PDB file of N, CA and C in Angstrom:
ATOM      1  N   MET A   1     -60.180 -31.759   5.865  1.00  0.00           N
ATOM      2  CA  MET A   1     -59.295 -30.667   6.735  1.00  0.00           C
ATOM      3  C   MET A   1     -59.208 -31.156   8.071  1.00  0.00           C
ATOM      4  N   SER A   2     -58.131 -31.396   8.895  1.00  0.00           N
ATOM      5  CA  SER A   2     -58.136 -31.840  10.206  1.00  0.00           C
ATOM      6  C   SER A   2     -58.007 -30.553  11.138  1.00  0.00           C
ATOM      7  N   LYS A   3     -58.518 -30.696  12.290  1.00  0.00           N
ATOM      8  CA  LYS A   3     -58.638 -29.501  13.144  1.00  0.00           C
ATOM      9  C   LYS A   3     -57.273 -29.323  13.801  1.00  0.00           C
ATOM     10  N   LYS A   4     -57.208 -28.138  14.233  1.00  0.00           N
ATOM     11  CA  LYS A   4     -56.046 -27.799  14.988  1.00  0.00           C
ATOM     12  C   LYS A   4     -56.151 -28.397  16.275  1.00  0.00           C
ATOM     13  N   LEU A   5     -55.029 -29.021  16.694  1.00  0.00           N
ATOM     14  CA  LEU A   5     -54.841 -29.510  18.033  1.00  0.00           C
ATOM     15  C   LEU A   5     -54.272 -28.835  19.039  1.00  0.00           C
ATOM     16  N   LYS A   6     -54.820 -28.772  20.145  1.00  0.00           N
ATOM     17  CA  LYS A   6     -54.179 -27.981  21.362  1.00  0.00           C
ATOM     18  C   LYS A   6     -53.012 -28.562  21.709  1.00  0.00           C
ATOM     19  N   GLU A   7     -51.897 -27.751  22.506  1.00  0.00           N
ATOM     20  CA  GLU A   7     -50.679 -28.214  22.876  1.00  0.00           C
ATOM     21  C   GLU A   7     -51.043 -28.913  24.292  1.00  0.00           C
ATOM     22  N   ILE A   8     -50.475 -30.037  24.417  1.00  0.00           N
ATOM     23  CA  ILE A   8     -50.531 -30.708  25.838  1.00  0.00           C
ATOM     24  C   ILE A   8     -49.714 -29.955  26.883  1.00  0.00           C
ATOM     25  N   PRO A   9     -50.268 -29.670  27.817  1.00  0.00           N
ATOM     26  CA  PRO A   9     -49.372 -28.849  28.809  1.00  0.00           C
ATOM     27  C   PRO A   9     -48.386 -29.757  29.628  1.00  0.00           C
ATOM     28  N   GLN A  10     -47.469 -29.006  30.128  1.00  0.00           N
ATOM     29  CA  GLN A  10     -46.512 -29.797  31.045  1.00  0.00           C
ATOM     30  C   GLN A  10     -46.946 -30.099  32.423  1.00  0.00           C
ATOM     31  N   PHE A  11     -46.868 -31.353  33.008  1.00  0.00           N
ATOM     32  CA  PHE A  11     -47.508 -31.617  34.471  1.00  0.00           C
ATOM     33  C   PHE A  11     -46.409 -31.700  35.355  1.00  0.00           C
ATOM     34  N   ALA A  12     -46.642 -31.228  36.613  1.00  0.00           N
ATOM     35  CA  ALA A  12     -45.747 -31.366  37.506  1.00  0.00           C
ATOM     36  C   ALA A  12     -45.469 -32.870  38.116  1.00  0.00           C
ATOM     37  N   ASN A  13     -46.538 -33.583  37.994  1.00  0.00           N
ATOM     38  CA  ASN A  13     -46.509 -34.991  38.359  1.00  0.00           C
ATOM     39  C   ASN A  13     -47.667 -35.752  37.665  1.00  0.00           C
ATOM     40  N   GLU A  14     -47.786 -37.067  38.076  1.00  0.00           N
ATOM     41  CA  GLU A  14     -48.750 -37.843  37.397  1.00  0.00           C
ATOM     42  C   GLU A  14     -50.051 -37.574  37.853  1.00  0.00           C
ATOM     43  N   ALA A  15     -50.323 -37.115  39.223  1.00  0.00           N
ATOM     44  CA  ALA A  15     -51.671 -36.873  39.686  1.00  0.00           C
ATOM     45  C   ALA A  15     -52.177 -35.759  39.032  1.00  0.00           C
ATOM     46  N   GLU A  16     -51.491 -34.776  38.713  1.00  0.00           N
ATOM     47  CA  GLU A  16     -51.619 -33.580  38.084  1.00  0.00           C
ATOM     48  C   GLU A  16     -52.321 -33.762  36.735  1.00  0.00           C
ATOM     49  N   GLU A  17     -51.546 -34.633  36.028  1.00  0.00           N
ATOM     50  CA  GLU A  17     -51.883 -35.052  34.644  1.00  0.00           C
ATOM     51  C   GLU A  17     -53.148 -35.941  34.690  1.00  0.00           C
ATOM     52  N   ARG A  18     -53.308 -36.819  35.672  1.00  0.00           N
ATOM     53  CA  ARG A  18     -54.462 -37.617  35.665  1.00  0.00           C
ATOM     54  C   ARG A  18     -55.705 -36.551  35.967  1.00  0.00           C
ATOM     55  N   GLU A  19     -55.629 -35.663  36.771  1.00  0.00           N
ATOM     56  CA  GLU A  19     -56.773 -34.753  36.896  1.00  0.00           C
ATOM     57  C   GLU A  19     -57.022 -33.923  35.628  1.00  0.00           C
ATOM     58  N   PHE A  20     -55.956 -33.703  34.935  1.00  0.00           N
ATOM     59  CA  PHE A  20     -56.220 -32.828  33.581  1.00  0.00           C
ATOM     60  C   PHE A  20     -57.006 -33.711  32.567  1.00  0.00           C
ATOM     61  N   TRP A  21     -56.645 -34.994  32.531  1.00  0.00           N
ATOM     62  CA  TRP A  21     -57.253 -35.616  31.697  1.00  0.00           C
ATOM     63  C   TRP A  21     -58.625 -36.305  31.840  1.00  0.00           C
ATOM     64  N   LEU A  22     -59.015 -36.254  33.303  1.00  0.00           N
ATOM     65  CA  LEU A  22     -60.291 -36.506  33.650  1.00  0.00           C
ATOM     66  C   LEU A  22     -61.307 -35.350  33.258  1.00  0.00           C
ATOM     67  N   ALA A  23     -60.673 -34.308  33.039  1.00  0.00           N
ATOM     68  CA  ALA A  23     -61.607 -33.044  32.764  1.00  0.00           C
ATOM     69  C   ALA A  23     -61.360 -32.544  31.359  1.00  0.00           C
ATOM     70  N   HIS A  24     -60.663 -33.197  30.472  1.00  0.00           N
ATOM     71  CA  HIS A  24     -60.444 -32.960  28.955  1.00  0.00           C
ATOM     72  C   HIS A  24     -60.549 -33.945  28.084  1.00  0.00           C
ATOM     73  N   ASP A  25     -60.947 -33.662  26.871  1.00  0.00           N
ATOM     74  CA  ASP A  25     -61.106 -34.698  25.891  1.00  0.00           C
ATOM     75  C   ASP A  25     -59.736 -34.666  25.068  1.00  0.00           C
ATOM     76  N   THR A  26     -59.314 -36.082  24.982  1.00  0.00           N
ATOM     77  CA  THR A  26     -57.859 -36.239  24.281  1.00  0.00           C
ATOM     78  C   THR A  26     -57.995 -35.983  22.807  1.00  0.00           C
ATOM     79  N   THR A  27     -59.260 -35.986  22.194  1.00  0.00           N
ATOM     80  CA  THR A  27     -59.278 -35.711  20.860  1.00  0.00           C
ATOM     81  C   THR A  27     -59.058 -34.186  20.612  1.00  0.00           C
ATOM     82  N   ASP A  28     -58.974 -33.359  21.442  1.00  0.00           N
ATOM     83  CA  ASP A  28     -58.642 -31.870  21.332  1.00  0.00           C
ATOM     84  C   ASP A  28     -57.063 -31.848  21.179  1.00  0.00           C
ATOM     85  N   TYR A  29     -56.389 -32.882  21.791  1.00  0.00           N
ATOM     86  CA  TYR A  29     -55.024 -32.792  21.860  1.00  0.00           C
ATOM     87  C   TYR A  29     -54.208 -33.892  20.971  1.00  0.00           C
ATOM     88  N   VAL A  30     -54.813 -34.853  20.633  1.00  0.00           N
ATOM     89  CA  VAL A  30     -54.202 -36.064  19.971  1.00  0.00           C
ATOM     90  C   VAL A  30     -55.002 -36.406  18.688  1.00  0.00           C
ATOM     91  N   ASP A  31     -54.178 -36.714  17.591  1.00  0.00           N
ATOM     92  CA  ASP A  31     -55.012 -37.128  16.532  1.00  0.00           C
ATOM     93  C   ASP A  31     -54.802 -38.438  16.527  1.00  0.00           C
ATOM     94  N   TRP A  32     -55.764 -39.379  17.089  1.00  0.00           N
ATOM     95  CA  TRP A  32     -55.796 -40.658  17.072  1.00  0.00           C
ATOM     96  C   TRP A  32     -55.705 -41.485  15.830  1.00  0.00           C
ATOM     97  N   SER A  33     -55.997 -40.876  14.770  1.00  0.00           N
ATOM     98  CA  SER A  33     -56.000 -41.503  13.518  1.00  0.00           C
ATOM     99  C   SER A  33     -54.553 -42.009  13.145  1.00  0.00           C
ATOM    100  N   LYS A  34     -53.579 -41.209  13.811  1.00  0.00           N
ATOM    101  CA  LYS A  34     -52.234 -41.529  13.562  1.00  0.00           C
ATOM    102  C   LYS A  34     -51.595 -42.402  14.508  1.00  0.00           C
ATOM    103  N   ALA A  35     -52.269 -42.745  15.388  1.00  0.00           N
ATOM    104  CA  ALA A  35     -51.845 -43.599  16.812  1.00  0.00           C
ATOM    105  C   ALA A  35     -51.392 -44.985  16.066  1.00  0.00           C
ATOM    106  N   LYS A  36     -50.304 -45.550  16.683  1.00  0.00           N
ATOM    107  CA  LYS A  36     -49.836 -46.998  16.403  1.00  0.00           C
ATOM    108  C   LYS A  36     -49.925 -47.787  17.793  1.00  0.00           C
ATOM    109  N   ARG A  37     -50.238 -49.007  17.583  1.00  0.00           N
ATOM    110  CA  ARG A  37     -50.109 -49.946  18.782  1.00  0.00           C
ATOM    111  C   ARG A  37     -48.799 -50.232  19.153  1.00  0.00           C
ATOM    112  N   VAL A  38     -48.319 -50.055  20.385  1.00  0.00           N
ATOM    113  CA  VAL A  38     -47.145 -50.594  20.932  1.00  0.00           C
ATOM    114  C   VAL A  38     -47.188 -51.378  22.000  1.00  0.00           C
ATOM    115  N   THR A  39     -46.242 -52.088  22.294  1.00  0.00           N
ATOM    116  CA  THR A  39     -46.149 -52.860  23.511  1.00  0.00           C
ATOM    117  C   THR A  39     -45.107 -52.624  24.569  1.00  0.00           C
ATOM    118  N   PHE A  40     -45.075 -52.832  25.748  1.00  0.00           N
ATOM    119  CA  PHE A  40     -44.089 -52.814  26.763  1.00  0.00           C
ATOM    120  C   PHE A  40     -43.941 -53.842  27.433  1.00  0.00           C
ATOM    121  N   PRO A  41     -43.135 -54.850  26.989  1.00  0.00           N
ATOM    122  CA  PRO A  41     -43.126 -56.254  27.571  1.00  0.00           C
ATOM    123  C   PRO A  41     -42.482 -56.288  29.034  1.00  0.00           C
ATOM    124  N   ASN A  42     -41.657 -55.336  29.184  1.00  0.00           N
ATOM    125  CA  ASN A  42     -40.992 -55.380  30.510  1.00  0.00           C
ATOM    126  C   ASN A  42     -41.647 -54.281  31.594  1.00  0.00           C
ATOM    127  N   LEU A  43     -42.726 -53.645  31.240  1.00  0.00           N
ATOM    128  CA  LEU A  43     -43.375 -52.681  32.113  1.00  0.00           C
ATOM    129  C   LEU A  43     -43.978 -53.439  33.391  1.00  0.00           C
ATOM    130  N   LYS A  44     -43.462 -52.674  34.545  1.00  0.00           N
ATOM    131  CA  LYS A  44     -43.996 -53.354  35.769  1.00  0.00           C
ATOM    132  C   LYS A  44     -44.915 -52.341  36.205  1.00  0.00           C
ATOM    133  N   LEU A  45     -46.225 -52.831  36.668  1.00  0.00           N
ATOM    134  CA  LEU A  45     -47.340 -52.029  37.143  1.00  0.00           C
ATOM    135  C   LEU A  45     -46.749 -51.516  38.511  1.00  0.00           C
ATOM    136  N   THR A  46     -47.351 -50.371  38.758  1.00  0.00           N
ATOM    137  CA  THR A  46     -47.039 -49.517  40.225  1.00  0.00           C
ATOM    138  C   THR A  46     -47.909 -50.321  41.232  1.00  0.00           C
ATOM    139  N   THR A  47     -47.353 -50.978  42.142  1.00  0.00           N
ATOM    140  CA  THR A  47     -48.412 -51.391  43.261  1.00  0.00           C
ATOM    141  C   THR A  47     -47.987 -50.750  44.604  1.00  0.00           C
ATOM    142  N   GLN A  48     -48.846 -50.725  45.422  1.00  0.00           N
ATOM    143  CA  GLN A  48     -48.692 -50.350  46.913  1.00  0.00           C
ATOM    144  C   GLN A  48     -49.246 -51.322  47.780  1.00  0.00           C
ATOM    145  N   SER A  49     -48.492 -51.767  48.758  1.00  0.00           N
ATOM    146  CA  SER A  49     -49.069 -52.517  49.805  1.00  0.00           C
ATOM    147  C   SER A  49     -49.996 -51.744  50.801  1.00  0.00           C
ATOM    148  N   ILE A  50     -51.011 -52.268  51.131  1.00  0.00           N
ATOM    149  CA  ILE A  50     -52.028 -51.803  52.051  1.00  0.00           C
ATOM    150  C   ILE A  50     -52.200 -52.711  53.096  1.00  0.00           C
ATOM    151  N   SER A  51     -53.037 -52.299  54.326  1.00  0.00           N
ATOM    152  CA  SER A  51     -53.170 -53.051  55.339  1.00  0.00           C
ATOM    153  C   SER A  51     -54.758 -53.140  55.227  1.00  0.00           C
ATOM    154  N   LEU A  52     -55.270 -54.336  55.347  1.00  0.00           N
ATOM    155  CA  LEU A  52     -56.854 -54.267  55.227  1.00  0.00           C
ATOM    156  C   LEU A  52     -57.246 -55.285  56.363  1.00  0.00           C
ATOM    157  N   ARG A  53     -58.054 -54.767  57.181  1.00  0.00           N
ATOM    158  CA  ARG A  53     -58.599 -55.644  58.306  1.00  0.00           C
ATOM    159  C   ARG A  53     -59.906 -56.328  57.838  1.00  0.00           C
ATOM    160  N   LEU A  54     -60.018 -57.585  58.008  1.00  0.00           N
ATOM    161  CA  LEU A  54     -61.231 -58.259  57.510  1.00  0.00           C
ATOM    162  C   LEU A  54     -61.451 -59.236  58.663  1.00  0.00           C
ATOM    163  N   PRO A  55     -62.794 -59.468  58.816  1.00  0.00           N
ATOM    164  CA  PRO A  55     -63.354 -60.530  59.840  1.00  0.00           C
ATOM    165  C   PRO A  55     -62.564 -61.696  59.368  1.00  0.00           C
ATOM    166  N   LEU A  56     -62.273 -62.640  60.441  1.00  0.00           N
ATOM    167  CA  LEU A  56     -61.541 -63.775  60.304  1.00  0.00           C
ATOM    168  C   LEU A  56     -62.402 -64.815  59.204  1.00  0.00           C
ATOM    169  N   TRP A  57     -63.707 -64.764  59.406  1.00  0.00           N
ATOM    170  CA  TRP A  57     -64.631 -65.700  58.581  1.00  0.00           C
ATOM    171  C   TRP A  57     -64.460 -65.351  57.185  1.00  0.00           C
ATOM    172  N   MET A  58     -64.427 -63.957  56.901  1.00  0.00           N
ATOM    173  CA  MET A  58     -64.289 -63.487  55.328  1.00  0.00           C
ATOM    174  C   MET A  58     -62.929 -63.922  54.820  1.00  0.00           C
ATOM    175  N   LEU A  59     -61.916 -63.810  55.665  1.00  0.00           N
ATOM    176  CA  LEU A  59     -60.590 -64.039  55.095  1.00  0.00           C
ATOM    177  C   LEU A  59     -60.565 -65.512  54.836  1.00  0.00           C
ATOM    178  N   GLU A  60     -61.085 -66.380  55.534  1.00  0.00           N
ATOM    179  CA  GLU A  60     -60.993 -67.800  55.424  1.00  0.00           C
ATOM    180  C   GLU A  60     -61.812 -68.230  54.168  1.00  0.00           C
ATOM    181  N   SER A  61     -62.938 -67.626  54.126  1.00  0.00           N
ATOM    182  CA  SER A  61     -63.844 -67.905  52.903  1.00  0.00           C
ATOM    183  C   SER A  61     -63.042 -67.414  51.700  1.00  0.00           C
ATOM    184  N   ILE A  62     -62.468 -66.195  51.606  1.00  0.00           N
ATOM    185  CA  ILE A  62     -61.739 -65.906  50.522  1.00  0.00           C
ATOM    186  C   ILE A  62     -60.712 -67.049  50.196  1.00  0.00           C
ATOM    187  N   LYS A  63     -59.850 -67.489  51.235  1.00  0.00           N
ATOM    188  CA  LYS A  63     -58.706 -68.305  50.985  1.00  0.00           C
ATOM    189  C   LYS A  63     -59.397 -69.754  50.422  1.00  0.00           C
ATOM    190  N   THR A  64     -60.412 -70.108  50.988  1.00  0.00           N
ATOM    191  CA  THR A  64     -61.063 -71.329  50.518  1.00  0.00           C
ATOM    192  C   THR A  64     -61.472 -71.182  48.976  1.00  0.00           C
ATOM    193  N   THR A  65     -62.042 -70.147  48.640  1.00  0.00           N
ATOM    194  CA  THR A  65     -62.514 -69.941  47.291  1.00  0.00           C
ATOM    195  C   THR A  65     -61.226 -69.803  46.457  1.00  0.00           C
ATOM    196  N   ALA A  66     -60.297 -69.119  46.812  1.00  0.00           N
ATOM    197  CA  ALA A  66     -58.932 -69.035  45.984  1.00  0.00           C
ATOM    198  C   ALA A  66     -58.383 -70.411  45.833  1.00  0.00           C
ATOM    199  N   ASN A  67     -58.397 -71.266  46.945  1.00  0.00           N
ATOM    200  CA  ASN A  67     -58.005 -72.609  46.860  1.00  0.00           C
ATOM    201  C   ASN A  67     -58.547 -73.315  45.661  1.00  0.00           C
ATOM    202  N   ARG A  68     -59.953 -73.389  45.780  1.00  0.00           N
ATOM    203  CA  ARG A  68     -60.701 -73.995  44.806  1.00  0.00           C
ATOM    204  C   ARG A  68     -60.450 -73.734  43.475  1.00  0.00           C
ATOM    205  N   GLN A  69     -60.106 -72.380  43.322  1.00  0.00           N
ATOM    206  CA  GLN A  69     -59.820 -71.907  41.795  1.00  0.00           C
ATOM    207  C   GLN A  69     -58.328 -71.988  41.500  1.00  0.00           C
ATOM    208  N   ASP A  70     -57.477 -72.484  42.378  1.00  0.00           N
ATOM    209  CA  ASP A  70     -56.106 -72.586  42.399  1.00  0.00           C
ATOM    210  C   ASP A  70     -55.431 -71.273  42.029  1.00  0.00           C
ATOM    211  N   VAL A  71     -55.804 -70.239  42.740  1.00  0.00           N
ATOM    212  CA  VAL A  71     -55.151 -68.968  42.657  1.00  0.00           C
ATOM    213  C   VAL A  71     -54.836 -68.318  44.120  1.00  0.00           C
ATOM    214  N   PRO A  72     -53.894 -67.595  44.069  1.00  0.00           N
ATOM    215  CA  PRO A  72     -53.408 -67.063  45.503  1.00  0.00           C
ATOM    216  C   PRO A  72     -54.519 -66.158  45.799  1.00  0.00           C
ATOM    217  N   TYR A  73     -54.867 -66.152  47.120  1.00  0.00           N
ATOM    218  CA  TYR A  73     -55.948 -65.419  47.523  1.00  0.00           C
ATOM    219  C   TYR A  73     -55.994 -63.836  47.453  1.00  0.00           C
ATOM    220  N   GLN A  74     -54.699 -63.329  47.447  1.00  0.00           N
ATOM    221  CA  GLN A  74     -54.698 -61.877  47.184  1.00  0.00           C
ATOM    222  C   GLN A  74     -54.817 -61.783  45.736  1.00  0.00           C
ATOM    223  N   SER A  75     -54.425 -62.501  44.879  1.00  0.00           N
ATOM    224  CA  SER A  75     -54.706 -62.277  43.451  1.00  0.00           C
ATOM    225  C   SER A  75     -56.291 -62.241  43.254  1.00  0.00           C
ATOM    226  N   LEU A  76     -56.987 -63.241  43.862  1.00  0.00           N
ATOM    227  CA  LEU A  76     -58.463 -63.331  43.713  1.00  0.00           C
ATOM    228  C   LEU A  76     -59.065 -62.078  44.360  1.00  0.00           C
ATOM    229  N   ILE A  77     -58.561 -61.416  45.312  1.00  0.00           N
ATOM    230  CA  ILE A  77     -59.194 -60.234  45.795  1.00  0.00           C
ATOM    231  C   ILE A  77     -58.964 -59.216  44.827  1.00  0.00           C
ATOM    232  N   LYS A  78     -57.781 -59.063  44.122  1.00  0.00           N
ATOM    233  CA  LYS A  78     -57.576 -57.852  43.129  1.00  0.00           C
ATOM    234  C   LYS A  78     -58.593 -58.092  41.970  1.00  0.00           C
ATOM    235  N   VAL A  79     -58.743 -59.345  41.640  1.00  0.00           N
ATOM    236  CA  VAL A  79     -59.743 -59.695  40.503  1.00  0.00           C
ATOM    237  C   VAL A  79     -61.007 -59.119  40.819  1.00  0.00           C
ATOM    238  N   TRP A  80     -61.563 -59.646  42.059  1.00  0.00           N
ATOM    239  CA  TRP A  80     -62.810 -59.179  42.603  1.00  0.00           C
ATOM    240  C   TRP A  80     -63.126 -57.751  42.649  1.00  0.00           C
ATOM    241  N   LEU A  81     -61.912 -57.108  43.272  1.00  0.00           N
ATOM    242  CA  LEU A  81     -61.965 -55.530  43.297  1.00  0.00           C
ATOM    243  C   LEU A  81     -61.868 -54.948  41.821  1.00  0.00           C
ATOM    244  N   ASN A  82     -61.087 -55.458  41.022  1.00  0.00           N
ATOM    245  CA  ASN A  82     -61.211 -54.961  39.477  1.00  0.00           C
ATOM    246  C   ASN A  82     -62.632 -55.000  39.001  1.00  0.00           C
ATOM    247  N   GLU A  83     -63.165 -56.245  39.038  1.00  0.00           N
ATOM    248  CA  GLU A  83     -64.545 -56.450  38.553  1.00  0.00           C
ATOM    249  C   GLU A  83     -65.517 -55.362  39.018  1.00  0.00           C
ATOM    250  N   LYS A  84     -65.381 -55.156  40.249  1.00  0.00           N
ATOM    251  CA  LYS A  84     -66.310 -54.164  40.911  1.00  0.00           C
ATOM    252  C   LYS A  84     -66.053 -52.812  40.499  1.00  0.00           C
ATOM    253  N   LEU A  85     -64.977 -52.447  40.355  1.00  0.00           N
ATOM    254  CA  LEU A  85     -64.574 -51.022  39.677  1.00  0.00           C
ATOM    255  C   LEU A  85     -65.151 -50.906  38.286  1.00  0.00           C
ATOM    256  N   GLU A  86     -64.942 -52.096  37.448  1.00  0.00           N
ATOM    257  CA  GLU A  86     -65.325 -52.000  36.222  1.00  0.00           C
ATOM    258  C   GLU A  86     -66.827 -51.752  36.104  1.00  0.00           C
ATOM    259  N   GLU A  87     -67.511 -52.583  36.983  1.00  0.00           N
ATOM    260  CA  GLU A  87     -69.049 -52.342  37.129  1.00  0.00           C
ATOM    261  C   GLU A  87     -69.457 -50.849  37.468  1.00  0.00           C
ATOM    262  N   ALA A  88     -68.718 -50.451  38.343  1.00  0.00           N
ATOM    263  CA  ALA A  88     -68.922 -48.989  38.927  1.00  0.00           C
ATOM    264  C   ALA A  88     -68.724 -47.922  37.718  1.00  0.00           C
ATOM    265  N   HIS A  89     -67.688 -48.201  36.947  1.00  0.00           N
ATOM    266  CA  HIS A  89     -67.355 -47.233  35.963  1.00  0.00           C
ATOM    267  C   HIS A  89     -68.391 -47.425  34.807  1.00  0.00           C
ATOM    268  N   HIS A  90     -68.867 -48.695  34.330  1.00  0.00           N
ATOM    269  CA  HIS A  90     -69.737 -48.858  33.449  1.00  0.00           C
ATOM    270  C   HIS A  90     -71.192 -48.375  33.794  1.00  0.00           C
ATOM    271  N   GLY A  91     -71.376 -48.615  35.161  1.00  0.00           N
ATOM    272  CA  GLY A  91     -72.743 -48.049  35.508  1.00  0.00           C
ATOM    273  C   GLY A  91     -73.020 -46.620  35.668  1.00  0.00           C
ATOM    274  N   ALA A  92     -71.757 -45.908  35.796  1.00  0.00           N
ATOM    275  CA  ALA A  92     -71.819 -44.461  35.807  1.00  0.00           C
ATOM    276  C   ALA A  92     -72.056 -43.899  34.571  1.00  0.00           C
ATOM    277  N   LYS A  93     -71.955 -44.518  33.406  1.00  0.00           N
ATOM    278  CA  LYS A  93     -71.931 -43.836  32.077  1.00  0.00           C
ATOM    279  C   LYS A  93     -73.299 -43.877  31.678  1.00  0.00           C
TER     280      LYS A  93
END
């Protein structure tokens, strides 16, 4: 016997939906046993430019490291930030 699923509310915007799912368990709303894997090959991630002031020595060090790894320095910064976020999320559990 499967449990009765709750109806997913309508959200005014993405931020409201994000807050909702942070506070609610999806298994109360979705039967994940019926889920199917899909791909979105043309999906573009939403990005936003920011201005970040770094000491010159730090920026030069980042650029040198990126050059050694043959990657753009901004991409390397994003990888490092993502790694730290993953560590923070895994450490919080």
